[in-house]
Structure formats: C-alpha cells, structure tokens
C-alpha atoms as a PDB file:
ATOM      1  CA  MET A   1     -31.226  13.141   8.449  1.00  0.00           C
ATOM      2  CA  THR A   2     -28.324  11.641   6.539  1.00  0.00           C
ATOM      3  CA  ALA A   3     -24.945  12.584   8.001  1.00  0.00           C
ATOM      4  CA  MET A   4     -22.879  14.940   5.859  1.00  0.00           C
ATOM      5  CA  PRO A   5     -19.683  13.347   4.509  1.00  0.00           C
ATOM      6  CA  LYS A   6     -16.625  14.329   6.549  1.00  0.00           C
ATOM      7  CA  ILE A   7     -14.388  15.471   3.721  1.00  0.00           C
ATOM      8  CA  ASP A   8     -10.786  16.577   4.094  1.00  0.00           C
ATOM      9  CA  LYS A   9      -9.741  19.108   1.453  1.00  0.00           C
ATOM     10  CA  ARG A  10      -6.225  17.674   1.578  1.00  0.00           C
ATOM     11  CA  VAL A  11      -7.610  14.486   0.031  1.00  0.00           C
ATOM     12  CA  ASP A  12      -9.058  16.589  -2.803  1.00  0.00           C
ATOM     13  CA  ASP A  13      -5.604  18.100  -3.308  1.00  0.00           C
ATOM     14  CA  TYR A  14      -3.928  14.684  -3.203  1.00  0.00           C
ATOM     15  CA  ILE A  15      -6.220  13.341  -5.920  1.00  0.00           C
ATOM     16  CA  ALA A  16      -5.807  16.475  -8.046  1.00  0.00           C
ATOM     17  CA  LYS A  17      -2.008  16.162  -7.911  1.00  0.00           C
ATOM     18  CA  ALA A  18      -2.005  12.447  -8.745  1.00  0.00           C
ATOM     19  CA  ALA A  19      -1.194  11.194 -12.237  1.00  0.00           C
ATOM     20  CA  ASP A  20      -4.037  11.205 -14.769  1.00  0.00           C
ATOM     21  CA  PHE A  21      -4.453   7.414 -14.633  1.00  0.00           C
ATOM     22  CA  ALA A  22      -4.677   7.503 -10.823  1.00  0.00           C
ATOM     23  CA  GLN A  23      -7.334  10.186 -10.386  1.00  0.00           C
ATOM     24  CA  PRO A  24     -10.379   8.077 -11.405  1.00  0.00           C
ATOM     25  CA  ILE A  25      -9.109   5.162  -9.288  1.00  0.00           C
ATOM     26  CA  LEU A  26      -8.704   7.316  -6.174  1.00  0.00           C
ATOM     27  CA  THR A  27     -12.050   9.010  -6.771  1.00  0.00           C
ATOM     28  CA  GLU A  28     -13.820   5.661  -7.137  1.00  0.00           C
ATOM     29  CA  LEU A  29     -12.208   4.271  -3.986  1.00  0.00           C
ATOM     30  CA  ARG A  30     -13.129   7.379  -2.041  1.00  0.00           C
ATOM     31  CA  ASN A  31     -16.744   7.166  -3.185  1.00  0.00           C
ATOM     32  CA  VAL A  32     -16.994   3.472  -2.325  1.00  0.00           C
ATOM     33  CA  VAL A  33     -15.610   4.053   1.180  1.00  0.00           C
ATOM     34  CA  HIS A  34     -18.150   6.806   1.839  1.00  0.00           C
ATOM     35  CA  GLU A  35     -20.964   4.672   0.458  1.00  0.00           C
ATOM     36  CA  ALA A  36     -20.008   1.744   2.672  1.00  0.00           C
ATOM     37  CA  CYS A  37     -19.448   3.922   5.738  1.00  0.00           C
ATOM     38  CA  PRO A  38     -21.274   7.299   5.667  1.00  0.00           C
ATOM     39  CA  GLU A  39     -19.771   8.284   9.041  1.00  0.00           C
ATOM     40  CA  VAL A  40     -16.180   7.770   7.893  1.00  0.00           C
ATOM     41  CA  GLU A  41     -13.721  10.623   8.461  1.00  0.00           C
ATOM     42  CA  GLU A  42     -10.972  11.533   6.019  1.00  0.00           C
ATOM     43  CA  ALA A  43      -7.408  12.405   6.975  1.00  0.00           C
ATOM     44  CA  ILE A  44      -3.899  12.555   5.580  1.00  0.00           C
ATOM     45  CA  LYS A  45      -1.430  10.313   7.384  1.00  0.00           C
ATOM     46  CA  TRP A  46       2.055   9.329   6.228  1.00  0.00           C
ATOM     47  CA  SER A  47       1.519  11.561   3.177  1.00  0.00           C
ATOM     48  CA  CYS A  48      -1.475   9.668   1.765  1.00  0.00           C
ATOM     49  CA  PRO A  49      -5.270   9.611   2.285  1.00  0.00           C
ATOM     50  CA  HIS A  50      -6.611   7.572   5.192  1.00  0.00           C
ATOM     51  CA  PHE A  51     -10.148   6.925   6.355  1.00  0.00           C
ATOM     52  CA  LEU A  52     -11.100   6.666  10.021  1.00  0.00           C
ATOM     53  CA  TYR A  53     -14.065   4.863  11.547  1.00  0.00           C
ATOM     54  CA  GLN A  54     -14.945   5.421  15.188  1.00  0.00           C
ATOM     55  CA  GLY A  55     -11.681   7.329  15.409  1.00  0.00           C
ATOM     56  CA  LYS A  56      -9.675   4.262  14.353  1.00  0.00           C
ATOM     57  CA  LEU A  57      -7.748   3.548  11.165  1.00  0.00           C
ATOM     58  CA  PHE A  58     -10.125   1.936   8.699  1.00  0.00           C
ATOM     59  CA  CYS A  59      -8.514   1.984   5.265  1.00  0.00           C
ATOM     60  CA  SER A  60      -6.145   3.996   3.094  1.00  0.00           C
ATOM     61  CA  MET A  61      -5.257   4.617  -0.519  1.00  0.00           C
ATOM     62  CA  ALA A  62      -2.130   5.811  -2.285  1.00  0.00           C
ATOM     63  CA  ALA A  63      -1.001   6.736  -5.779  1.00  0.00           C
ATOM     64  CA  PHE A  64       2.411   5.862  -7.162  1.00  0.00           C
ATOM     65  CA  LYS A  65       3.989   6.551 -10.543  1.00  0.00           C
ATOM     66  CA  GLN A  66       2.483   3.538 -12.296  1.00  0.00           C
ATOM     67  CA  HIS A  67      -0.142   2.149  -9.944  1.00  0.00           C
ATOM     68  CA  CYS A  68      -2.403   2.817  -6.982  1.00  0.00           C
ATOM     69  CA  ALA A  69      -2.886   0.797  -3.818  1.00  0.00           C
ATOM     70  CA  PHE A  70      -5.799   0.311  -1.430  1.00  0.00           C
ATOM     71  CA  HIS A  71      -5.285  -1.002   2.067  1.00  0.00           C
ATOM     72  CA  ILE A  72      -7.944  -2.153   4.546  1.00  0.00           C
ATOM     73  CA  TRP A  73      -6.429  -2.163   8.028  1.00  0.00           C
ATOM     74  CA  HIS A  74      -8.177  -5.401   8.977  1.00  0.00           C
ATOM     75  CA  GLY A  75      -7.671  -6.679   5.448  1.00  0.00           C
ATOM     76  CA  SER A  76      -6.165 -10.050   6.287  1.00  0.00           C
ATOM     77  CA  GLN A  77      -9.310 -10.793   8.311  1.00  0.00           C
ATOM     78  CA  VAL A  78     -11.824  -9.772   5.650  1.00  0.00           C
ATOM     79  CA  VAL A  79     -10.195 -10.468   2.258  1.00  0.00           C
ATOM     80  CA  GLU A  80     -10.061 -14.150   1.398  1.00  0.00           C
ATOM     81  CA  ALA A  81      -6.519 -15.520   1.103  1.00  0.00           C
ATOM     82  CA  LYS A  82      -7.110 -16.529  -2.533  1.00  0.00           C
ATOM     83  CA  ASN A  83      -8.019 -12.908  -3.385  1.00  0.00           C
ATOM     84  CA  ASN A  84      -5.384 -11.233  -1.228  1.00  0.00           C
ATOM     85  CA  LYS A  85      -2.654  -9.691  -3.399  1.00  0.00           C
ATOM     86  CA  SER A  86      -0.569  -8.190  -0.610  1.00  0.00           C
ATOM     87  CA  GLU A  87       2.534  -9.890  -2.054  1.00  0.00           C
ATOM     88  CA  GLU A  88       2.232  -7.742  -5.194  1.00  0.00           C
ATOM     89  CA  ALA A  89       1.929  -4.277  -3.640  1.00  0.00           C
ATOM     90  CA  MET A  90       0.906  -2.364  -0.550  1.00  0.00           C
ATOM     91  CA  GLY A  91      -2.606  -3.293   0.548  1.00  0.00           C
ATOM     92  CA  GLN A  92      -4.700  -6.321  -0.368  1.00  0.00           C
ATOM     93  CA  PHE A  93      -5.536  -5.537  -3.998  1.00  0.00           C
ATOM     94  CA  GLY A  94      -2.208  -5.556  -5.783  1.00  0.00           C
ATOM     95  CA  ARG A  95      -1.070  -2.959  -8.294  1.00  0.00           C
ATOM     96  CA  ILE A  96      -4.171  -1.044  -9.371  1.00  0.00           C
ATOM     97  CA  ALA A  97      -3.493   0.591 -12.745  1.00  0.00           C
ATOM     98  CA  SER A  98      -7.113   1.308 -13.723  1.00  0.00           C
ATOM     99  CA  VAL A  99     -10.602   1.219 -12.258  1.00  0.00           C
ATOM    100  CA  LYS A 100     -11.052  -2.138 -14.000  1.00  0.00           C
ATOM    101  CA  ASP A 101      -8.417  -3.624 -11.694  1.00  0.00           C
ATOM    102  CA  LEU A 102     -10.642  -3.016  -8.672  1.00  0.00           C
ATOM    103  CA  PRO A 103     -12.962  -5.727  -7.347  1.00  0.00           C
ATOM    104  CA  PRO A 104     -16.680  -5.131  -8.062  1.00  0.00           C
ATOM    105  CA  LYS A 105     -18.103  -2.347  -5.895  1.00  0.00           C
ATOM    106  CA  LYS A 106     -20.407  -4.817  -4.153  1.00  0.00           C
ATOM    107  CA  THR A 107     -17.380  -6.906  -3.154  1.00  0.00           C
ATOM    108  CA  LEU A 108     -15.420  -3.907  -1.900  1.00  0.00           C
ATOM    109  CA  ILE A 109     -18.366  -2.724   0.184  1.00  0.00           C
ATOM    110  CA  ALA A 110     -18.740  -6.205   1.677  1.00  0.00           C
ATOM    111  CA  TYR A 111     -15.048  -6.154   2.698  1.00  0.00           C
ATOM    112  CA  LEU A 112     -15.442  -2.705   4.232  1.00  0.00           C
ATOM    113  CA  ASN A 113     -18.582  -3.732   6.111  1.00  0.00           C
ATOM    114  CA  LYS A 114     -16.716  -6.691   7.607  1.00  0.00           C
ATOM    115  CA  ALA A 115     -13.856  -4.391   8.633  1.00  0.00           C
ATOM    116  CA  MET A 116     -16.329  -2.015  10.293  1.00  0.00           C
ATOM    117  CA  ALA A 117     -17.838  -4.916  12.225  1.00  0.00           C
ATOM    118  CA  LEU A 118     -14.389  -5.909  13.456  1.00  0.00           C
ATOM    119  CA  ILE A 119     -13.716  -2.380  14.668  1.00  0.00           C
ATOM    120  CA  ASP A 120     -17.124  -2.301  16.382  1.00  0.00           C
ATOM    121  CA  SER A 121     -16.290  -5.546  18.161  1.00  0.00           C
ATOM    122  CA  GLY A 122     -12.925  -4.257  19.332  1.00  0.00           C
ATOM    123  CA  ALA A 123     -11.049  -6.939  17.418  1.00  0.00           C
ATOM    124  CA  LYS A 124      -7.314  -6.473  17.137  1.00  0.00           C
ATOM    125  CA  ARG A 125      -5.692  -6.271  13.753  1.00  0.00           C
ATOM    126  CA  THR A 126      -3.995  -9.482  12.682  1.00  0.00           C
ATOM    127  CA  TYR A 127      -1.641 -10.218   9.826  1.00  0.00           C
ATOM    128  CA  ALA A 128      -1.850 -12.822   7.116  1.00  0.00           C
ATOM    129  CA  LYS A 129       0.592 -15.700   7.335  1.00  0.00           C
ATOM    130  CA  PRO A 130       3.392 -15.344   4.796  1.00  0.00           C
ATOM    131  CA  ARG A 131       2.877 -17.305   1.616  1.00  0.00           C
ATOM    132  CA  ALA A 132       5.330 -19.836   0.283  1.00  0.00           C
ATOM    133  CA  GLU A 133       8.378 -18.240  -1.253  1.00  0.00           C
ATOM    134  CA  LYS A 134       8.224 -17.734  -5.003  1.00  0.00           C
ATOM    135  CA  LYS A 135      10.972 -18.516  -7.492  1.00  0.00           C
ATOM    136  CA  GLU A 136      14.344 -16.900  -6.983  1.00  0.00           C
ATOM    137  CA  LEU A 137      14.273 -13.170  -7.577  1.00  0.00           C
ATOM    138  CA  VAL A 138      16.480 -11.850 -10.364  1.00  0.00           C
ATOM    139  CA  VAL A 139      18.455  -8.949  -8.900  1.00  0.00           C
ATOM    140  CA  PRO A 140      20.271  -6.693 -11.423  1.00  0.00           C
ATOM    141  CA  SER A 141      24.060  -6.630 -11.177  1.00  0.00           C
ATOM    142  CA  TYR A 142      24.126  -2.912 -10.329  1.00  0.00           C
ATOM    143  CA  VAL A 143      21.973  -3.660  -7.268  1.00  0.00           C
ATOM    144  CA  THR A 144      24.063  -6.622  -6.118  1.00  0.00           C
ATOM    145  CA  SER A 145      27.254  -4.585  -6.599  1.00  0.00           C
ATOM    146  CA  ALA A 146      25.894  -1.782  -4.419  1.00  0.00           C
ATOM    147  CA  LEU A 147      24.826  -4.228  -1.736  1.00  0.00           C
ATOM    148  CA  LYS A 148      28.248  -5.917  -1.650  1.00  0.00           C
ATOM    149  CA  LYS A 149      29.801  -2.571  -0.701  1.00  0.00           C
ATOM    150  CA  ASN A 150      27.620  -2.309   2.411  1.00  0.00           C
ATOM    151  CA  LYS A 151      27.662  -5.412   4.604  1.00  0.00           C
ATOM    152  CA  GLN A 152      24.888  -4.212   6.919  1.00  0.00           C
ATOM    153  CA  ALA A 153      22.567  -3.391   4.012  1.00  0.00           C
ATOM    154  CA  GLN A 154      23.412  -6.736   2.389  1.00  0.00           C
ATOM    155  CA  ALA A 155      22.553  -8.616   5.591  1.00  0.00           C
ATOM    156  CA  THR A 156      19.207  -6.854   5.922  1.00  0.00           C
ATOM    157  CA  PHE A 157      18.355  -7.472   2.261  1.00  0.00           C
ATOM    158  CA  ASP A 158      19.292 -11.151   2.502  1.00  0.00           C
ATOM    159  CA  ALA A 159      17.046 -11.580   5.537  1.00  0.00           C
ATOM    160  CA  PHE A 160      14.020 -10.109   3.783  1.00  0.00           C
ATOM    161  CA  SER A 161      11.253 -12.236   2.279  1.00  0.00           C
ATOM    162  CA  TYR A 162      10.889 -12.578  -1.485  1.00  0.00           C
ATOM    163  CA  SER A 163       8.169  -9.917  -1.600  1.00  0.00           C
ATOM    164  CA  HIS A 164      10.149  -7.311   0.352  1.00  0.00           C
ATOM    165  CA  LYS A 165      13.232  -7.856  -1.809  1.00  0.00           C
ATOM    166  CA  LYS A 166      11.044  -7.556  -4.892  1.00  0.00           C
ATOM    167  CA  GLU A 167       9.641  -4.207  -3.728  1.00  0.00           C
ATOM    168  CA  TYR A 168      13.138  -2.712  -3.658  1.00  0.00           C
ATOM    169  CA  VAL A 169      14.234  -4.284  -6.935  1.00  0.00           C
ATOM    170  CA  GLU A 170      11.126  -3.113  -8.805  1.00  0.00           C
ATOM    171  CA  TRP A 171      11.424   0.402  -7.379  1.00  0.00           C
ATOM    172  CA  ILE A 172      14.983   0.681  -8.650  1.00  0.00           C
ATOM    173  CA  THR A 173      14.459  -0.979 -12.041  1.00  0.00           C
ATOM    174  CA  GLU A 174      11.426   1.239 -12.741  1.00  0.00           C
ATOM    175  CA  ALA A 175      13.643   4.362 -12.611  1.00  0.00           C
ATOM    176  CA  LYS A 176      13.530   6.246 -15.907  1.00  0.00           C
ATOM    177  CA  THR A 177      17.057   7.672 -15.759  1.00  0.00           C
ATOM    178  CA  ASP A 178      20.422   6.527 -14.424  1.00  0.00           C
ATOM    179  CA  GLU A 179      20.462   9.526 -12.076  1.00  0.00           C
ATOM    180  CA  THR A 180      17.151   8.458 -10.536  1.00  0.00           C
ATOM    181  CA  ARG A 181      18.340   4.856 -10.356  1.00  0.00           C
ATOM    182  CA  GLN A 182      21.508   5.826  -8.496  1.00  0.00           C
ATOM    183  CA  ARG A 183      19.552   8.037  -6.115  1.00  0.00           C
ATOM    184  CA  ARG A 184      17.153   5.182  -5.341  1.00  0.00           C
ATOM    185  CA  ILE A 185      20.028   2.761  -4.779  1.00  0.00           C
ATOM    186  CA  ALA A 186      21.557   5.205  -2.277  1.00  0.00           C
ATOM    187  CA  THR A 187      18.210   5.535  -0.498  1.00  0.00           C
ATOM    188  CA  MET A 188      17.761   1.755  -0.482  1.00  0.00           C
ATOM    189  CA  LEU A 189      21.152   1.277   1.186  1.00  0.00           C
ATOM    190  CA  GLU A 190      20.336   3.926   3.782  1.00  0.00           C
ATOM    191  CA  TRP A 191      16.977   2.322   4.605  1.00  0.00           C
ATOM    192  CA  LEU A 192      18.401  -1.190   4.677  1.00  0.00           C
ATOM    193  CA  VAL A 193      21.048  -0.148   7.178  1.00  0.00           C
ATOM    194  CA  GLU A 194      18.158   1.063   9.344  1.00  0.00           C
ATOM    195  CA  GLY A 195      16.359  -2.261   8.827  1.00  0.00           C
ATOM    196  CA  LYS A 196      13.555  -0.646   6.838  1.00  0.00           C
ATOM    197  CA  ARG A 197      11.423  -2.214   4.124  1.00  0.00           C
ATOM    198  CA  ARG A 198      10.683  -0.326   0.920  1.00  0.00           C
ATOM    199  CA  ASN A 199       7.217   0.773   2.108  1.00  0.00           C
ATOM    200  CA  TRP A 200       8.134   1.257   5.764  1.00  0.00           C
ATOM    201  CA  LYS A 201       6.364   4.630   5.883  1.00  0.00           C
ATOM    202  CA  TYR A 202       2.995   2.938   5.462  1.00  0.00           C
ATOM    203  CA  GLU A 203       3.476   0.023   7.840  1.00  0.00           C
ATOM    204  CA  LYS A 204       2.899   1.778  11.168  1.00  0.00           C
ATOM    205  CA  CYS A 205      -0.600   2.624  12.293  1.00  0.00           C
END
C-alpha cells in the first residue's frame, strides 16, 4: 500500500495566508516534494513550512511580499554551482515570483532525490564556497546615515559579504512607505548590533 502523505494543516494555513502570486508556487513546491519523497513529513519551523525526511531537515519553502524561496538543506551538494542562486535570495533558486521561475519538475525531483541519498548515507551538510564579490553595492544615503550613528552596526555591516549587505539594502528599499522604511532601518540596526544577517531566522537548523 502507498503511504498516506503526512500533511500538516499549518502548512495549508500558511499557503492560504500567502499572497495570491505565492499560493500556486508554494502548492507546486509542496506537491513536488511529496512526489519525490512520499514518506516526507511536514512541519512549521521558524515560521515557515519545512519538510523532514527520516526525522531530519530536508527542505523548506517561504513566501515573502514579492517572491518565494525554496531551500534544500543539502543544496550546495546537489545543485550545480552554475545553477545555484543562493546569492540572490534564501535557498538555491533565487527569487521565485511565479511557477515559471522554478526549474523543471524533473530537475527539482532529481535534486531532492540526491538530497535524500545524502541523508540516507549520513552525510553532513556542507556549504558552498562564497562566490567572487560583485560590483560595489549602492547603499542609499538614508541607510548610510543611520549606520554612521551606530558604530557597532556599521562595523557588522562593513564586515558582511556583498550578498548579505544586499539583503538588508533591498529589504529597506522595497518598503512602500517612509514609516515602514524607518521601522526596517531600526530593526536592521538592532540585528546588526547582535551580529545578525537579514535572514538569520532561517539559517539555523
């Protein structure tokens, strides 16, 4: 008999509450994961859907205001460097704004099968080597002014890689109102003082 999918209703709720553009992306990703790994278990960790295999973190997905992200926990070992877009957003597939931005289902399943094999073998998760730094990041004056007023935050920001600086800058510049922008700047300063990256909530497993 085929095993019944181990569904978590909280994942249903997460998808239902996501923006209209995100719902078909999350649904497609969820279906692909279950197709690749029928015994996968769903869970909510760090406020977003995660999938467990053999009780271990397997992959996760998340919806943001303008894009979604999909992260395979052994991603750097299964996604070819030329196709790895981890510099663009959380996960290995960049900023996913529509289902068309996803790799073909056959490719995704192949990645997931490789990740399952790594978990079966007991392989430890490794991280991709950082890529060469890109051109100098343009930081808005209102961000640089805020950083200058907090030496500890400035030092942390300066020590970050291009991609981690970019995550903060994009988050702030994407704010729709000045009130939201100021609130995000305050949060950025608080997190920088604590040495945290923009997506620190999703980095621990």
